[in-house]
């Protein structure tokens, strides 16, 4: 069984301060999880100043769905 105290402590150490600077911060979340991939990637690749942080966050947290840092899950797995 997962100890909720340990889990909360681990979550507290993840730096998400960059979220507020992401180009997707004012976009509908479903665009990056359900929408056309090319539209989400265009926002990431042309407008986002924290693309690298986003990509690293997705890799470090084993995100399996969505577009993160302009990359979709199947592409992330190859890197």
PDB file of N, CA and C in Angstrom:
ATOM      1  N   UNK A   1       0.836  -1.188   0.000  1.00  0.00           N
ATOM      2  CA  UNK A   1       0.000   0.000   0.000  1.00  0.00           C
ATOM      3  C   UNK A   1       0.879   1.250   0.000  1.00  0.00           C
ATOM      4  N   UNK A   2       0.476   2.249  -0.761  1.00  0.00           N
ATOM      5  CA  UNK A   2       1.222   3.499  -0.841  1.00  0.00           C
ATOM      6  C   UNK A   2       0.968   4.324   0.410  1.00  0.00           C
ATOM      7  N   UNK A   3       2.027   4.797   0.989  1.00  0.00           N
ATOM      8  CA  UNK A   3       1.917   5.673   2.151  1.00  0.00           C
ATOM      9  C   UNK A   3       1.585   7.076   1.646  1.00  0.00           C
ATOM     10  N   UNK A   4       0.392   7.599   1.942  1.00  0.00           N
ATOM     11  CA  UNK A   4       0.007   8.918   1.419  1.00  0.00           C
ATOM     12  C   UNK A   4       0.910  10.048   1.886  1.00  0.00           C
ATOM     13  N   UNK A   5       1.517   9.906   3.034  1.00  0.00           N
ATOM     14  CA  UNK A   5       2.424  10.960   3.516  1.00  0.00           C
ATOM     15  C   UNK A   5       3.665  11.044   2.640  1.00  0.00           C
ATOM     16  N   UNK A   6       4.203   9.910   2.250  1.00  0.00           N
ATOM     17  CA  UNK A   6       5.380   9.903   1.384  1.00  0.00           C
ATOM     18  C   UNK A   6       5.009  10.463   0.015  1.00  0.00           C
ATOM     19  N   UNK A   7       3.873  10.045  -0.502  1.00  0.00           N
ATOM     20  CA  UNK A   7       3.426  10.510  -1.805  1.00  0.00           C
ATOM     21  C   UNK A   7       3.267  12.032  -1.822  1.00  0.00           C
ATOM     22  N   UNK A   8       2.646  12.578  -0.804  1.00  0.00           N
ATOM     23  CA  UNK A   8       2.481  14.035  -0.720  1.00  0.00           C
ATOM     24  C   UNK A   8       3.827  14.739  -0.663  1.00  0.00           C
ATOM     25  N   UNK A   9       4.750  14.174   0.067  1.00  0.00           N
ATOM     26  CA  UNK A   9       6.081  14.765   0.188  1.00  0.00           C
ATOM     27  C   UNK A   9       6.784  14.771  -1.170  1.00  0.00           C
ATOM     28  N   UNK A  10       6.685  13.680  -1.932  1.00  0.00           N
ATOM     29  CA  UNK A  10       7.303  13.615  -3.249  1.00  0.00           C
ATOM     30  C   UNK A  10       6.696  14.649  -4.183  1.00  0.00           C
ATOM     31  N   UNK A  11       5.371  14.795  -4.150  1.00  0.00           N
ATOM     32  CA  UNK A  11       4.713  15.771  -5.004  1.00  0.00           C
ATOM     33  C   UNK A  11       5.174  17.185  -4.685  1.00  0.00           C
ATOM     34  N   UNK A  12       5.418  17.460  -3.446  1.00  0.00           N
ATOM     35  CA  UNK A  12       5.822  18.799  -3.029  1.00  0.00           C
ATOM     36  C   UNK A  12       7.194  19.174  -3.590  1.00  0.00           C
ATOM     37  N   UNK A  13       8.022  18.195  -3.940  1.00  0.00           N
ATOM     38  CA  UNK A  13       9.357  18.488  -4.427  1.00  0.00           C
ATOM     39  C   UNK A  13       9.417  18.703  -5.934  1.00  0.00           C
ATOM     40  N   UNK A  14       8.328  18.463  -6.646  1.00  0.00           N
ATOM     41  CA  UNK A  14       8.310  18.648  -8.092  1.00  0.00           C
ATOM     42  C   UNK A  14       8.118  20.126  -8.401  1.00  0.00           C
ATOM     43  N   UNK A  15       9.064  20.693  -9.149  1.00  0.00           N
ATOM     44  CA  UNK A  15       8.994  22.111  -9.492  1.00  0.00           C
ATOM     45  C   UNK A  15       8.047  22.307 -10.671  1.00  0.00           C
ATOM     46  N   UNK A  16       6.964  22.976 -10.414  1.00  0.00           N
ATOM     47  CA  UNK A  16       6.004  23.280 -11.471  1.00  0.00           C
ATOM     48  C   UNK A  16       5.841  24.794 -11.643  1.00  0.00           C
ATOM     49  N   UNK A  17       6.786  25.546 -11.171  1.00  0.00           N
ATOM     50  CA  UNK A  17       6.696  27.008 -11.265  1.00  0.00           C
ATOM     51  C   UNK A  17       6.650  27.478 -12.718  1.00  0.00           C
ATOM     52  N   UNK A  18       7.182  26.687 -13.623  1.00  0.00           N
ATOM     53  CA  UNK A  18       7.201  27.047 -15.036  1.00  0.00           C
ATOM     54  C   UNK A  18       5.818  26.961 -15.689  1.00  0.00           C
ATOM     55  N   UNK A  19       4.881  26.237 -15.077  1.00  0.00           N
ATOM     56  CA  UNK A  19       3.534  26.071 -15.646  1.00  0.00           C
ATOM     57  C   UNK A  19       2.915  27.403 -16.054  1.00  0.00           C
ATOM     58  N   UNK A  20       3.071  28.409 -15.212  1.00  0.00           N
ATOM     59  CA  UNK A  20       2.419  29.700 -15.462  1.00  0.00           C
ATOM     60  C   UNK A  20       2.951  30.383 -16.723  1.00  0.00           C
ATOM     61  N   UNK A  21       4.159  30.036 -17.153  1.00  0.00           N
ATOM     62  CA  UNK A  21       4.757  30.647 -18.332  1.00  0.00           C
ATOM     63  C   UNK A  21       4.501  29.859 -19.614  1.00  0.00           C
ATOM     64  N   UNK A  22       3.851  28.716 -19.500  1.00  0.00           N
ATOM     65  CA  UNK A  22       3.602  27.862 -20.662  1.00  0.00           C
ATOM     66  C   UNK A  22       2.605  28.500 -21.619  1.00  0.00           C
ATOM     67  N   UNK A  23       2.843  28.324 -22.899  1.00  0.00           N
ATOM     68  CA  UNK A  23       1.937  28.861 -23.921  1.00  0.00           C
ATOM     69  C   UNK A  23       0.553  28.236 -23.820  1.00  0.00           C
ATOM     70  N   UNK A  24       0.472  27.058 -23.240  1.00  0.00           N
ATOM     71  CA  UNK A  24      -0.818  26.371 -23.127  1.00  0.00           C
ATOM     72  C   UNK A  24      -1.594  26.778 -21.876  1.00  0.00           C
ATOM     73  N   UNK A  25      -1.019  27.610 -21.043  1.00  0.00           N
ATOM     74  CA  UNK A  25      -1.660  27.971 -19.773  1.00  0.00           C
ATOM     75  C   UNK A  25      -3.051  28.575 -19.979  1.00  0.00           C
ATOM     76  N   UNK A  26      -3.239  29.266 -21.084  1.00  0.00           N
ATOM     77  CA  UNK A  26      -4.550  29.875 -21.334  1.00  0.00           C
ATOM     78  C   UNK A  26      -5.341  29.143 -22.423  1.00  0.00           C
ATOM     79  N   UNK A  27      -4.885  27.947 -22.761  1.00  0.00           N
ATOM     80  CA  UNK A  27      -5.560  27.129 -23.775  1.00  0.00           C
ATOM     81  C   UNK A  27      -6.443  26.080 -23.104  1.00  0.00           C
ATOM     82  N   UNK A  28      -7.378  25.554 -23.838  1.00  0.00           N
ATOM     83  CA  UNK A  28      -8.213  24.465 -23.334  1.00  0.00           C
ATOM     84  C   UNK A  28      -7.353  23.202 -23.198  1.00  0.00           C
ATOM     85  N   UNK A  29      -7.367  22.616 -22.027  1.00  0.00           N
ATOM     86  CA  UNK A  29      -6.537  21.436 -21.750  1.00  0.00           C
ATOM     87  C   UNK A  29      -6.808  20.300 -22.722  1.00  0.00           C
ATOM     88  N   UNK A  30      -8.075  20.124 -23.112  1.00  0.00           N
ATOM     89  CA  UNK A  30      -8.395  18.990 -23.978  1.00  0.00           C
ATOM     90  C   UNK A  30      -7.698  19.069 -25.332  1.00  0.00           C
ATOM     91  N   UNK A  31      -7.282  20.246 -25.755  1.00  0.00           N
ATOM     92  CA  UNK A  31      -6.540  20.370 -27.004  1.00  0.00           C
ATOM     93  C   UNK A  31      -5.257  19.545 -26.950  1.00  0.00           C
ATOM     94  N   UNK A  32      -4.640  19.470 -25.792  1.00  0.00           N
ATOM     95  CA  UNK A  32      -3.360  18.782 -25.637  1.00  0.00           C
ATOM     96  C   UNK A  32      -3.512  17.300 -25.301  1.00  0.00           C
ATOM     97  N   UNK A  33      -4.745  16.864 -25.083  1.00  0.00           N
ATOM     98  CA  UNK A  33      -4.989  15.461 -24.764  1.00  0.00           C
ATOM     99  C   UNK A  33      -5.946  14.790 -25.733  1.00  0.00           C
ATOM    100  N   UNK A  34      -6.827  15.558 -26.342  1.00  0.00           N
ATOM    101  CA  UNK A  34      -7.837  14.981 -27.227  1.00  0.00           C
ATOM    102  C   UNK A  34      -7.879  15.646 -28.594  1.00  0.00           C
ATOM    103  N   UNK A  35      -7.355  16.830 -28.672  1.00  0.00           N
ATOM    104  CA  UNK A  35      -7.468  17.610 -29.900  1.00  0.00           C
ATOM    105  C   UNK A  35      -6.508  17.149 -30.971  1.00  0.00           C
ATOM    106  N   UNK A  36      -6.576  17.788 -32.112  1.00  0.00           N
ATOM    107  CA  UNK A  36      -5.629  17.458 -33.179  1.00  0.00           C
ATOM    108  C   UNK A  36      -4.193  17.713 -32.713  1.00  0.00           C
ATOM    109  N   UNK A  37      -3.375  16.699 -32.800  1.00  0.00           N
ATOM    110  CA  UNK A  37      -1.994  16.784 -32.312  1.00  0.00           C
ATOM    111  C   UNK A  37      -1.246  17.933 -32.960  1.00  0.00           C
ATOM    112  N   UNK A  38      -1.432  18.128 -34.253  1.00  0.00           N
ATOM    113  CA  UNK A  38      -0.667  19.170 -34.939  1.00  0.00           C
ATOM    114  C   UNK A  38      -0.978  20.572 -34.410  1.00  0.00           C
ATOM    115  N   UNK A  39      -2.203  20.802 -33.946  1.00  0.00           N
ATOM    116  CA  UNK A  39      -2.528  22.128 -33.383  1.00  0.00           C
ATOM    117  C   UNK A  39      -1.829  22.334 -32.042  1.00  0.00           C
ATOM    118  N   UNK A  40      -1.850  21.318 -31.205  1.00  0.00           N
ATOM    119  CA  UNK A  40      -1.162  21.413 -29.919  1.00  0.00           C
ATOM    120  C   UNK A  40       0.337  21.581 -30.127  1.00  0.00           C
ATOM    121  N   UNK A  41       0.902  20.808 -31.035  1.00  0.00           N
ATOM    122  CA  UNK A  41       2.340  20.907 -31.298  1.00  0.00           C
ATOM    123  C   UNK A  41       2.713  22.278 -31.842  1.00  0.00           C
ATOM    124  N   UNK A  42       1.862  22.854 -32.661  1.00  0.00           N
ATOM    125  CA  UNK A  42       2.151  24.187 -33.210  1.00  0.00           C
ATOM    126  C   UNK A  42       2.248  25.223 -32.090  1.00  0.00           C
ATOM    127  N   UNK A  43       1.350  25.135 -31.122  1.00  0.00           N
ATOM    128  CA  UNK A  43       1.398  26.063 -29.985  1.00  0.00           C
ATOM    129  C   UNK A  43       2.703  25.876 -29.223  1.00  0.00           C
ATOM    130  N   UNK A  44       3.056  24.635 -28.958  1.00  0.00           N
ATOM    131  CA  UNK A  44       4.294  24.354 -28.220  1.00  0.00           C
ATOM    132  C   UNK A  44       5.524  24.850 -28.979  1.00  0.00           C
ATOM    133  N   UNK A  45       5.604  24.507 -30.237  1.00  0.00           N
ATOM    134  CA  UNK A  45       6.817  24.766 -31.007  1.00  0.00           C
ATOM    135  C   UNK A  45       7.007  26.224 -31.399  1.00  0.00           C
ATOM    136  N   UNK A  46       5.925  26.978 -31.503  1.00  0.00           N
ATOM    137  CA  UNK A  46       6.075  28.359 -31.973  1.00  0.00           C
ATOM    138  C   UNK A  46       5.892  29.408 -30.887  1.00  0.00           C
ATOM    139  N   UNK A  47       5.237  29.052 -29.790  1.00  0.00           N
ATOM    140  CA  UNK A  47       4.893  30.074 -28.807  1.00  0.00           C
ATOM    141  C   UNK A  47       5.427  29.824 -27.405  1.00  0.00           C
ATOM    142  N   UNK A  48       5.905  28.621 -27.120  1.00  0.00           N
ATOM    143  CA  UNK A  48       6.201  28.288 -25.729  1.00  0.00           C
ATOM    144  C   UNK A  48       7.666  28.501 -25.356  1.00  0.00           C
ATOM    145  N   UNK A  49       7.866  29.226 -24.278  1.00  0.00           N
ATOM    146  CA  UNK A  49       9.223  29.516 -23.794  1.00  0.00           C
ATOM    147  C   UNK A  49       9.700  28.482 -22.762  1.00  0.00           C
ATOM    148  N   UNK A  50       8.816  27.588 -22.349  1.00  0.00           N
ATOM    149  CA  UNK A  50       9.183  26.568 -21.350  1.00  0.00           C
ATOM    150  C   UNK A  50       9.031  25.158 -21.918  1.00  0.00           C
ATOM    151  N   UNK A  51       9.197  25.037 -23.210  1.00  0.00           N
ATOM    152  CA  UNK A  51       9.029  23.750 -23.879  1.00  0.00           C
ATOM    153  C   UNK A  51       9.953  22.681 -23.317  1.00  0.00           C
ATOM    154  N   UNK A  52      11.193  23.015 -23.066  1.00  0.00           N
ATOM    155  CA  UNK A  52      12.157  22.048 -22.534  1.00  0.00           C
ATOM    156  C   UNK A  52      11.752  21.585 -21.134  1.00  0.00           C
ATOM    157  N   UNK A  53      11.349  22.515 -20.280  1.00  0.00           N
ATOM    158  CA  UNK A  53      10.903  22.148 -18.935  1.00  0.00           C
ATOM    159  C   UNK A  53       9.689  21.229 -18.995  1.00  0.00           C
ATOM    160  N   UNK A  54       8.781  21.523 -19.912  1.00  0.00           N
ATOM    161  CA  UNK A  54       7.579  20.725 -20.088  1.00  0.00           C
ATOM    162  C   UNK A  54       7.937  19.299 -20.512  1.00  0.00           C
ATOM    163  N   UNK A  55       8.821  19.186 -21.476  1.00  0.00           N
ATOM    164  CA  UNK A  55       9.264  17.876 -21.953  1.00  0.00           C
ATOM    165  C   UNK A  55       9.899  17.075 -20.810  1.00  0.00           C
ATOM    166  N   UNK A  56      10.802  17.710 -20.073  1.00  0.00           N
ATOM    167  CA  UNK A  56      11.469  17.031 -18.958  1.00  0.00           C
ATOM    168  C   UNK A  56      10.468  16.612 -17.887  1.00  0.00           C
ATOM    169  N   UNK A  57       9.497  17.463 -17.612  1.00  0.00           N
ATOM    170  CA  UNK A  57       8.460  17.131 -16.637  1.00  0.00           C
ATOM    171  C   UNK A  57       7.730  15.862 -17.066  1.00  0.00           C
ATOM    172  N   UNK A  58       7.352  15.794 -18.327  1.00  0.00           N
ATOM    173  CA  UNK A  58       6.621  14.635 -18.841  1.00  0.00           C
ATOM    174  C   UNK A  58       7.451  13.363 -18.729  1.00  0.00           C
ATOM    175  N   UNK A  59       8.712  13.444 -19.069  1.00  0.00           N
ATOM    176  CA  UNK A  59       9.586  12.271 -18.987  1.00  0.00           C
ATOM    177  C   UNK A  59       9.792  11.855 -17.535  1.00  0.00           C
ATOM    178  N   UNK A  60      10.111  12.805 -16.681  1.00  0.00           N
ATOM    179  CA  UNK A  60      10.373  12.501 -15.271  1.00  0.00           C
ATOM    180  C   UNK A  60       9.156  11.973 -14.530  1.00  0.00           C
ATOM    181  N   UNK A  61       7.963  12.339 -15.003  1.00  0.00           N
ATOM    182  CA  UNK A  61       6.737  11.918 -14.337  1.00  0.00           C
ATOM    183  C   UNK A  61       5.989  10.834 -15.114  1.00  0.00           C
ATOM    184  N   UNK A  62       6.667  10.281 -16.103  1.00  0.00           N
ATOM    185  CA  UNK A  62       6.130   9.180 -16.896  1.00  0.00           C
ATOM    186  C   UNK A  62       4.728   9.485 -17.436  1.00  0.00           C
ATOM    187  N   UNK A  63       4.557  10.700 -17.929  1.00  0.00           N
ATOM    188  CA  UNK A  63       3.281  11.069 -18.538  1.00  0.00           C
ATOM    189  C   UNK A  63       3.067  10.186 -19.763  1.00  0.00           C
ATOM    190  N   UNK A  64       1.924   9.574 -19.867  1.00  0.00           N
ATOM    191  CA  UNK A  64       1.681   8.649 -20.958  1.00  0.00           C
ATOM    192  C   UNK A  64       0.665   9.158 -21.966  1.00  0.00           C
ATOM    193  N   UNK A  65       0.086  10.302 -21.721  1.00  0.00           N
ATOM    194  CA  UNK A  65      -0.938  10.834 -22.609  1.00  0.00           C
ATOM    195  C   UNK A  65      -0.684  12.305 -22.864  1.00  0.00           C
ATOM    196  N   UNK A  66      -1.070  12.753 -24.019  1.00  0.00           N
ATOM    197  CA  UNK A  66      -1.029  14.169 -24.325  1.00  0.00           C
ATOM    198  C   UNK A  66       0.227  14.632 -25.022  1.00  0.00           C
ATOM    199  N   UNK A  67       0.222  15.902 -25.328  1.00  0.00           N
ATOM    200  CA  UNK A  67       1.364  16.572 -25.951  1.00  0.00           C
ATOM    201  C   UNK A  67       2.066  17.357 -24.860  1.00  0.00           C
ATOM    202  N   UNK A  68       3.336  17.075 -24.679  1.00  0.00           N
ATOM    203  CA  UNK A  68       4.149  17.745 -23.658  1.00  0.00           C
ATOM    204  C   UNK A  68       5.423  18.236 -24.335  1.00  0.00           C
ATOM    205  N   UNK A  69       5.694  19.510 -24.258  1.00  0.00           N
ATOM    206  CA  UNK A  69       6.893  20.057 -24.886  1.00  0.00           C
ATOM    207  C   UNK A  69       6.896  19.874 -26.391  1.00  0.00           C
ATOM    208  N   UNK A  70       5.721  19.772 -26.970  1.00  0.00           N
ATOM    209  CA  UNK A  70       5.606  19.608 -28.416  1.00  0.00           C
ATOM    210  C   UNK A  70       5.764  18.184 -28.902  1.00  0.00           C
ATOM    211  N   UNK A  71       5.823  17.245 -27.973  1.00  0.00           N
ATOM    212  CA  UNK A  71       6.072  15.845 -28.316  1.00  0.00           C
ATOM    213  C   UNK A  71       4.926  14.981 -27.796  1.00  0.00           C
ATOM    214  N   UNK A  72       4.488  14.025 -28.621  1.00  0.00           N
ATOM    215  CA  UNK A  72       3.445  13.109 -28.172  1.00  0.00           C
ATOM    216  C   UNK A  72       4.084  11.883 -27.527  1.00  0.00           C
ATOM    217  N   UNK A  73       3.306  11.143 -26.747  1.00  0.00           N
ATOM    218  CA  UNK A  73       3.819  10.020 -25.972  1.00  0.00           C
ATOM    219  C   UNK A  73       4.635   9.037 -26.806  1.00  0.00           C
ATOM    220  N   UNK A  74       4.139   8.626 -27.933  1.00  0.00           N
ATOM    221  CA  UNK A  74       4.866   7.623 -28.723  1.00  0.00           C
ATOM    222  C   UNK A  74       6.222   8.143 -29.174  1.00  0.00           C
ATOM    223  N   UNK A  75       6.359   9.439 -29.400  1.00  0.00           N
ATOM    224  CA  UNK A  75       7.646  10.015 -29.760  1.00  0.00           C
ATOM    225  C   UNK A  75       8.566  10.108 -28.561  1.00  0.00           C
ATOM    226  N   UNK A  76       8.010  10.425 -27.383  1.00  0.00           N
ATOM    227  CA  UNK A  76       8.819  10.526 -26.157  1.00  0.00           C
ATOM    228  C   UNK A  76       9.469   9.212 -25.832  1.00  0.00           C
ATOM    229  N   UNK A  77       8.783   8.123 -26.021  1.00  0.00           N
ATOM    230  CA  UNK A  77       9.301   6.797 -25.666  1.00  0.00           C
ATOM    231  C   UNK A  77      10.546   6.443 -26.460  1.00  0.00           C
ATOM    232  N   UNK A  78      10.693   6.994 -27.654  1.00  0.00           N
ATOM    233  CA  UNK A  78      11.825   6.680 -28.518  1.00  0.00           C
ATOM    234  C   UNK A  78      13.074   7.439 -28.128  1.00  0.00           C
ATOM    235  N   UNK A  79      12.930   8.513 -27.362  1.00  0.00           N
ATOM    236  CA  UNK A  79      14.079   9.362 -27.025  1.00  0.00           C
ATOM    237  C   UNK A  79      14.815   8.827 -25.825  1.00  0.00           C
TER     238      UNK A  79
END
